[in-house]
Protein backbone atom coordinates (compact mmCIF):
# COMPACT_ATOMS: atom_id res chain seq x y z
CA UNK A 1 1.25 230.99 240.98
CA UNK A 2 2.66 230.43 237.51
CA UNK A 3 5.68 228.11 237.16
CA UNK A 4 9.04 229.79 236.61
CA UNK A 5 10.41 228.96 233.16
CA UNK A 6 13.82 229.90 231.79
CA UNK A 7 14.76 232.65 229.40
CA UNK A 8 17.55 231.54 227.07
CA UNK A 9 20.03 234.41 226.65
CA UNK A 10 22.48 234.00 223.76
CA UNK A 11 25.36 236.46 223.43
CA UNK A 12 28.24 234.43 221.92
CA UNK A 13 28.83 235.91 218.48
CA UNK A 14 28.45 233.61 215.47
CA UNK A 15 26.24 231.12 217.28
CA UNK A 16 23.60 229.12 215.38
CA UNK A 17 20.36 228.11 217.13
CA UNK A 18 18.42 225.23 215.63
CA UNK A 19 15.72 222.67 216.32
CA UNK A 20 16.31 218.99 216.99
CA UNK A 21 13.00 217.23 217.57
CA UNK A 22 11.52 219.09 220.57
CA UNK A 23 14.81 220.64 221.66
CA UNK A 24 16.49 224.01 221.19
CA UNK A 25 20.14 223.44 220.24
CA UNK A 26 22.83 226.15 220.39
CA UNK A 27 25.97 225.47 218.32
CA UNK A 28 29.16 227.28 217.36
CA UNK A 29 31.03 226.05 214.27
CA UNK A 30 29.21 222.69 214.43
CA UNK A 31 30.10 222.24 218.12
CA UNK A 32 27.10 221.92 220.42
CA UNK A 33 27.17 224.38 223.32
CA UNK A 34 23.74 223.92 224.85
CA UNK A 35 20.43 222.17 224.42
CA UNK A 36 17.12 222.25 226.28
CA UNK A 37 13.60 220.91 225.76
CA UNK A 38 11.33 223.60 224.32
CA UNK A 39 8.82 223.15 227.14
CA UNK A 40 11.36 224.45 229.67
CA UNK A 41 11.93 227.73 227.80
CA UNK A 42 9.57 230.70 227.72
CA UNK A 43 11.64 233.06 225.55
CA UNK A 44 14.91 233.37 223.63
CA UNK A 45 16.93 236.60 223.71
CA UNK A 46 19.69 237.08 221.13
CA UNK A 47 22.42 239.73 221.28
CA UNK A 48 24.37 240.55 218.13
CA UNK A 49 25.31 238.13 215.36
CA UNK A 50 23.08 235.17 216.24
CA UNK A 51 21.38 233.03 213.59
CA UNK A 52 18.16 231.07 214.12
CA UNK A 53 16.99 228.33 211.76
CA UNK A 54 13.53 228.57 210.13
CA UNK A 55 12.59 225.29 211.79
CA UNK A 56 13.48 226.74 215.19
CA UNK A 57 11.23 229.73 214.49
CA UNK A 58 8.39 227.32 213.75
CA UNK A 59 9.02 225.30 216.91
CA UNK A 60 9.06 228.43 219.04
CA UNK A 61 5.88 229.80 217.43
CA UNK A 62 4.06 226.51 218.02
CA UNK A 63 5.03 226.58 221.70
CA UNK A 64 4.42 230.30 222.31
CA UNK A 65 8.13 231.00 222.84
CA UNK A 66 9.15 234.46 221.66
CA UNK A 67 12.53 235.28 220.10
CA UNK A 68 13.87 238.80 220.68
CA UNK A 69 16.78 240.34 218.80
CA UNK A 70 19.05 243.03 220.23
CA UNK A 71 22.28 244.55 219.00
CA UNK A 72 25.44 243.34 220.68
CA UNK A 73 25.18 246.36 222.97
CA UNK A 74 21.56 245.90 224.01
CA UNK A 75 19.52 248.03 221.60
CA UNK A 76 16.23 246.34 220.71
CA UNK A 77 15.79 245.38 217.04
CA UNK A 78 12.84 243.03 216.64
CA UNK A 79 10.72 240.35 218.23
CA UNK A 80 9.27 237.19 216.66
CA UNK A 81 6.29 235.68 218.44
CA UNK A 82 3.14 233.68 217.86
CA UNK A 83 -0.18 235.54 217.40
CA UNK A 84 -1.16 237.72 220.35
CA UNK A 85 -3.38 235.82 222.74
CA UNK A 86 -5.32 236.92 225.78
CA UNK A 87 -8.60 238.64 226.39
CA UNK A 88 -9.36 241.26 223.73
CA UNK A 89 -11.86 242.83 226.14
CA UNK A 90 -9.04 243.42 228.61
CA UNK A 91 -6.98 245.25 225.99
CA UNK A 92 -9.98 247.31 224.89
CA UNK A 93 -10.50 248.39 228.49
CA UNK A 94 -6.79 249.25 228.74
CA UNK A 95 -7.01 251.43 225.62
CA UNK A 96 -10.11 253.16 226.97
CA UNK A 97 -8.49 253.95 230.32
CA UNK A 98 -5.30 255.22 228.66
CA UNK A 99 -7.37 258.19 227.40
CA UNK A 100 -8.89 258.84 230.84
CA UNK A 101 -6.84 261.57 232.54
CA UNK A 102 -8.06 260.74 236.05
CA UNK A 103 -7.34 257.04 235.64
CA UNK A 104 -3.88 257.76 234.20
CA UNK A 105 -3.02 260.01 237.14
CA UNK A 106 -4.19 257.50 239.76
CA UNK A 107 -2.34 254.66 238.03
CA UNK A 108 0.85 256.69 237.66
CA UNK A 109 0.67 257.66 241.34
CA UNK A 110 0.64 254.00 242.35
CA UNK A 111 3.52 253.21 239.99
CA UNK A 112 5.60 256.11 241.30
CA UNK A 113 4.84 255.15 244.89
CA UNK A 114 6.43 251.75 244.24
CA UNK A 115 9.46 253.24 242.52
CA UNK A 116 10.17 255.83 245.21
CA UNK A 117 9.74 253.43 248.12
CA UNK A 118 12.05 250.87 246.56
CA UNK A 119 14.67 253.48 245.64
CA UNK A 120 14.62 254.73 249.21
CA UNK A 121 14.93 251.18 250.57
CA UNK A 122 18.05 250.58 248.47
CA UNK A 123 19.65 253.64 250.07
CA UNK A 124 18.48 252.73 253.57
CA UNK A 125 19.73 249.15 253.20
CA UNK A 126 23.15 250.46 252.18
CA UNK A 127 23.22 252.67 255.28
CA UNK A 128 22.17 249.78 257.48
CA UNK A 129 24.62 247.22 256.10
CA UNK A 130 27.63 249.27 254.97
CA UNK A 131 27.61 252.62 256.77
CA UNK A 132 31.21 252.10 257.90
CA UNK A 133 32.30 251.88 254.24
CA UNK A 134 30.27 254.82 252.94
CA UNK A 135 32.17 258.10 252.68
CA UNK A 136 29.25 260.49 253.22
CA UNK A 137 26.40 258.75 255.00
CA UNK A 138 24.78 262.09 255.90
CA UNK A 139 24.24 262.81 252.20
CA UNK A 140 22.53 259.45 251.75
CA UNK A 141 20.23 260.20 254.68
CA UNK A 142 19.46 263.57 253.16
CA UNK A 143 18.40 261.99 249.86
CA UNK A 144 16.43 259.30 251.69
CA UNK A 145 14.52 262.03 253.54
CA UNK A 146 13.96 263.87 250.26
CA UNK A 147 12.48 260.73 248.69
CA UNK A 148 10.24 260.27 251.73
CA UNK A 149 8.89 263.80 251.32
CA UNK A 150 8.21 263.11 247.65
CA UNK A 151 6.39 259.91 248.61
CA UNK A 152 4.21 261.93 251.00
CA UNK A 153 3.31 264.30 248.15
CA UNK A 154 2.64 261.76 245.40
CA UNK A 155 -1.12 261.83 245.87
CA UNK A 156 -1.14 265.63 245.99
CA UNK A 157 -0.10 265.90 242.34
CA UNK A 158 -2.86 267.69 240.44
CA UNK A 159 -2.10 266.21 237.03
CA UNK A 160 0.13 263.73 235.25
CA UNK A 161 2.66 266.36 234.15
CA UNK A 162 3.24 267.47 237.74
CA UNK A 163 3.71 263.83 238.71
CA UNK A 164 6.21 263.26 235.90
CA UNK A 165 8.14 266.28 237.13
CA UNK A 166 8.24 264.80 240.63
CA UNK A 167 9.47 261.50 239.21
CA UNK A 168 12.22 263.22 237.25
CA UNK A 169 13.42 265.26 240.23
CA UNK A 170 13.44 262.17 242.45
CA UNK A 171 15.46 260.21 239.88
CA UNK A 172 18.07 262.99 239.70
CA UNK A 173 18.35 262.99 243.51
CA UNK A 174 18.65 259.21 243.70
CA UNK A 175 21.39 259.00 241.07
CA UNK A 176 23.24 261.95 242.62
CA UNK A 177 24.32 259.61 245.44
CA UNK A 178 24.65 256.41 243.42
CA UNK A 179 28.46 256.70 243.45
CA UNK A 180 28.38 256.54 247.24
CA UNK A 181 26.89 253.04 246.99
CA UNK A 182 29.99 251.89 245.11
CA UNK A 183 32.26 250.37 247.77
CA UNK A 184 35.07 248.99 245.58
CA UNK A 185 36.95 250.14 242.46
CA UNK A 186 35.67 253.70 242.87
CA UNK A 187 38.37 255.04 240.57
CA UNK A 188 36.99 253.04 237.62
CA UNK A 189 33.29 252.71 238.42
CA UNK A 190 31.64 256.10 238.83
CA UNK A 191 28.90 258.06 237.11
CA UNK A 192 28.18 261.73 236.44
CA UNK A 193 24.42 261.32 236.54
CA UNK A 194 22.19 258.95 234.62
CA UNK A 195 22.81 258.99 230.86
CA UNK A 196 22.08 256.66 227.95
CA UNK A 197 21.92 256.45 224.16
CA UNK A 198 24.83 256.05 224.44
CA UNK A 199 25.94 255.51 228.06
CA UNK A 200 28.96 257.66 228.90
CA UNK A 201 30.55 255.56 231.66
CA UNK A 202 30.84 251.98 232.91
CA UNK A 203 28.03 252.24 235.46
CA UNK A 204 25.55 253.67 232.96
CA UNK A 205 26.60 250.97 230.50
CA UNK A 206 25.82 248.28 233.09
CA UNK A 207 22.54 249.89 234.14
CA UNK A 208 21.32 250.28 230.56
CA UNK A 209 22.05 246.65 229.76
CA UNK A 210 20.28 245.28 232.85
CA UNK A 211 17.33 247.61 232.21
CA UNK A 212 17.13 246.08 228.73
CA UNK A 213 16.84 242.60 230.25
CA UNK A 214 14.26 243.87 232.72
CA UNK A 215 11.98 245.60 230.22
CA UNK A 216 12.05 242.49 228.01
CA UNK A 217 10.83 240.32 230.88
CA UNK A 218 8.16 242.81 231.97
CA UNK A 219 6.89 243.14 228.38
CA UNK A 220 6.66 239.36 228.06
CA UNK A 221 4.74 239.11 231.34
CA UNK A 222 2.23 241.75 230.24
CA UNK A 223 1.71 240.07 226.87
CA UNK A 224 1.26 236.73 228.61
CA UNK A 225 -1.59 238.16 230.69
CA UNK A 226 -3.20 239.73 227.62
CA UNK A 227 -2.22 243.38 228.13
CA UNK A 228 -0.61 245.60 225.51
CA UNK A 229 2.88 246.62 226.72
CA UNK A 230 2.88 249.59 224.32
CA UNK A 231 0.04 251.51 225.97
CA UNK A 232 1.02 253.03 229.30
CA UNK A 233 -0.11 255.57 231.85
CA UNK A 234 2.94 257.22 233.44
CA UNK A 235 5.11 257.08 230.32
CA UNK A 236 3.79 258.85 227.26
CA UNK A 237 2.89 256.74 224.26
CA UNK A 238 5.50 256.88 221.52
CA UNK A 239 5.97 254.70 218.43
CA UNK A 240 8.11 251.71 219.35
CA UNK A 241 8.12 252.49 223.07
CA UNK A 242 6.75 249.80 225.45
CA UNK A 243 5.15 252.42 227.70
CA UNK A 244 3.22 250.08 230.00
CA UNK A 245 6.27 247.83 230.38
CA UNK A 246 8.27 250.91 231.38
CA UNK A 247 5.53 251.85 233.85
CA UNK A 248 5.55 248.48 235.60
CA UNK A 249 9.33 248.27 235.35
CA UNK A 250 9.74 251.39 237.50
CA UNK A 251 9.10 249.53 240.74
CA UNK A 252 11.79 246.97 239.82
CA UNK A 253 14.60 249.26 238.61
CA UNK A 254 16.23 249.89 241.98
CA UNK A 255 15.41 246.68 243.80
CA UNK A 256 16.45 244.32 240.99
CA UNK A 257 18.54 246.11 238.35
CA UNK A 258 20.40 248.71 240.43
CA UNK A 259 21.15 246.28 243.27
CA UNK A 260 22.42 243.71 240.78
CA UNK A 261 24.82 246.24 239.24
CA UNK A 262 26.03 247.34 242.68
CA UNK A 263 26.60 243.73 243.72
CA UNK A 264 28.57 242.91 240.58
CA UNK A 265 30.83 245.94 241.09
CA UNK A 266 31.26 245.68 244.85
CA UNK A 267 32.09 241.97 244.69
CA UNK A 268 34.54 242.52 241.80
CA UNK A 269 32.56 240.25 239.49
CA UNK A 270 32.78 242.54 236.46
CA UNK A 271 36.09 243.52 234.90
CA UNK A 272 36.65 247.27 234.64
CA UNK A 273 39.04 246.63 231.76
CA UNK A 274 36.28 244.89 229.80
CA UNK A 275 34.81 248.22 228.67
CA UNK A 276 35.81 250.42 225.75
CA UNK A 277 34.68 253.58 224.00
CA UNK A 278 32.67 253.20 220.80
CA UNK A 279 33.06 255.48 217.74
CA UNK A 280 29.90 257.31 218.87
CA UNK A 281 31.54 258.22 222.17
CA UNK A 282 29.56 255.79 224.29
CA UNK A 283 30.96 253.10 226.59
CA UNK A 284 30.42 249.47 225.56
CA UNK A 285 31.23 246.23 227.36
CA UNK A 286 32.94 243.12 226.05
CA UNK A 287 31.37 239.72 225.53
CA UNK A 288 32.77 238.30 228.77
CA UNK A 289 31.23 241.01 230.96
CA UNK A 290 27.96 240.62 229.10
CA UNK A 291 27.90 236.90 229.89
CA UNK A 292 28.65 237.60 233.56
CA UNK A 293 25.74 240.04 233.79
CA UNK A 294 23.31 237.72 232.03
CA UNK A 295 24.28 234.82 234.28
CA UNK A 296 23.96 236.95 237.42
CA UNK A 297 20.55 238.23 236.32
CA UNK A 298 19.38 234.69 235.57
CA UNK A 299 20.47 233.52 239.02
CA UNK A 300 18.83 236.52 240.67
CA UNK A 301 15.51 235.58 239.06
CA UNK A 302 15.73 232.15 240.68
CA UNK A 303 15.94 233.67 244.17
CA UNK A 304 12.79 233.97 246.28
CA UNK A 305 11.29 237.14 247.72
CA UNK A 306 8.20 237.80 249.82
CA UNK A 307 5.28 239.31 247.92
CA UNK A 308 3.23 241.54 250.27
CA UNK A 309 -0.02 241.29 248.28
CA UNK A 310 -0.05 237.51 247.77
CA UNK A 311 1.57 237.01 251.19
CA UNK A 312 3.90 234.28 250.00
CA UNK A 313 7.45 233.81 248.80
CA UNK A 314 7.80 233.71 245.02
CA UNK A 315 10.73 233.58 242.63
CA UNK A 316 11.97 237.02 241.63
CA UNK A 317 11.51 235.96 238.01
CA UNK A 318 7.77 235.63 238.71
CA UNK A 319 7.43 239.13 240.18
CA UNK A 320 6.80 240.53 236.70
CA UNK A 321 4.01 238.02 236.09
CA UNK A 322 2.53 238.72 239.53
CA UNK A 323 2.42 242.47 238.91
CA UNK A 324 1.03 241.99 235.40
CA UNK A 325 -1.70 239.83 236.91
CA UNK A 326 -2.52 242.51 239.50
CA UNK A 327 -2.55 245.20 236.82
CA UNK A 328 -5.01 243.16 234.76
CA UNK A 329 -7.26 242.80 237.81
CA UNK A 330 -7.07 246.55 238.27
CA UNK A 331 -7.99 247.22 234.64
CA UNK A 332 -10.96 244.84 234.91
CA UNK A 333 -12.14 246.57 238.09
CA UNK A 334 -11.58 243.57 240.36
CA UNK A 335 -9.46 245.73 242.70
CA UNK A 336 -9.81 249.46 243.36
CA UNK A 337 -6.16 250.43 242.87
CA UNK A 338 -3.00 248.95 241.42
CA UNK A 339 -0.79 247.65 244.26
CA UNK A 340 2.87 248.13 243.26
CA UNK A 341 5.50 245.75 244.56
CA UNK A 342 7.17 247.44 247.54
CA UNK A 343 10.31 245.82 248.88
CA UNK A 344 10.70 245.72 252.65
């Protein structure tokens, strides 16, 4: 299995990132904050007012280290990377299959199977571990049963539009009980359904930010294998949308992103007062909360989890690479179906 490298997340405003020999150096007003050898970094992610020197760009390009730019609040702006590598034949096969309705449906069914199973497991784990703290456990069981019925019907969907409708209905059901998974600070952390662009409450603000981190990592994993993250099967192609990354990301949303947000809230690791309303009416977080989330996500990626297909423990940060590898095998015809990651 591939070695786990680090993603360098930079969110301190006004920081300058430069090159010193074979090192990445992060400074603020001429004071060094961080340095690391380039060979230990696989990507750099910048949020807000971050400056990178031209020599750093060259060093990163030479070492196949991408630099991604986001607004301070997590909206993607641009990505700088070395020329796309990988097998052009693999990408050609991906493009061909993306126009094959039957292949798209079968692929999307596998993707949705992973998402639904993992969403249901998050609910069932909460019931198992914290039923005494949950106000309406019967409602959680009801939604868990509803997700199970949807799982049973995934392969009965006649076309991709029917399947997308099933996915949408399941997502609404799942998020309808998300508040019940909040065990602390319920008066400040609650949601009225999933919303974004902009997020209307603290929970949606947290979810959107962690999803941004997640889709970046999945996109990088797909590109590293030689796949095009823009061309998907469940998500419709749209200019600027990483559709395949969003496809593969579905199986990780609940098990990685949602659980991380729940942990941060329930363990009082994020400050409810560190959020404010933007002029557009959305909720934004402060720099301190952003750093806490990034650090928690980085630590989560260093944890190990059992992979049912490879039958071994791997770092969570390598799950994206593992699934990209399996998807490439599927596209090449080495395996008959795409096996999504299903958390037990």
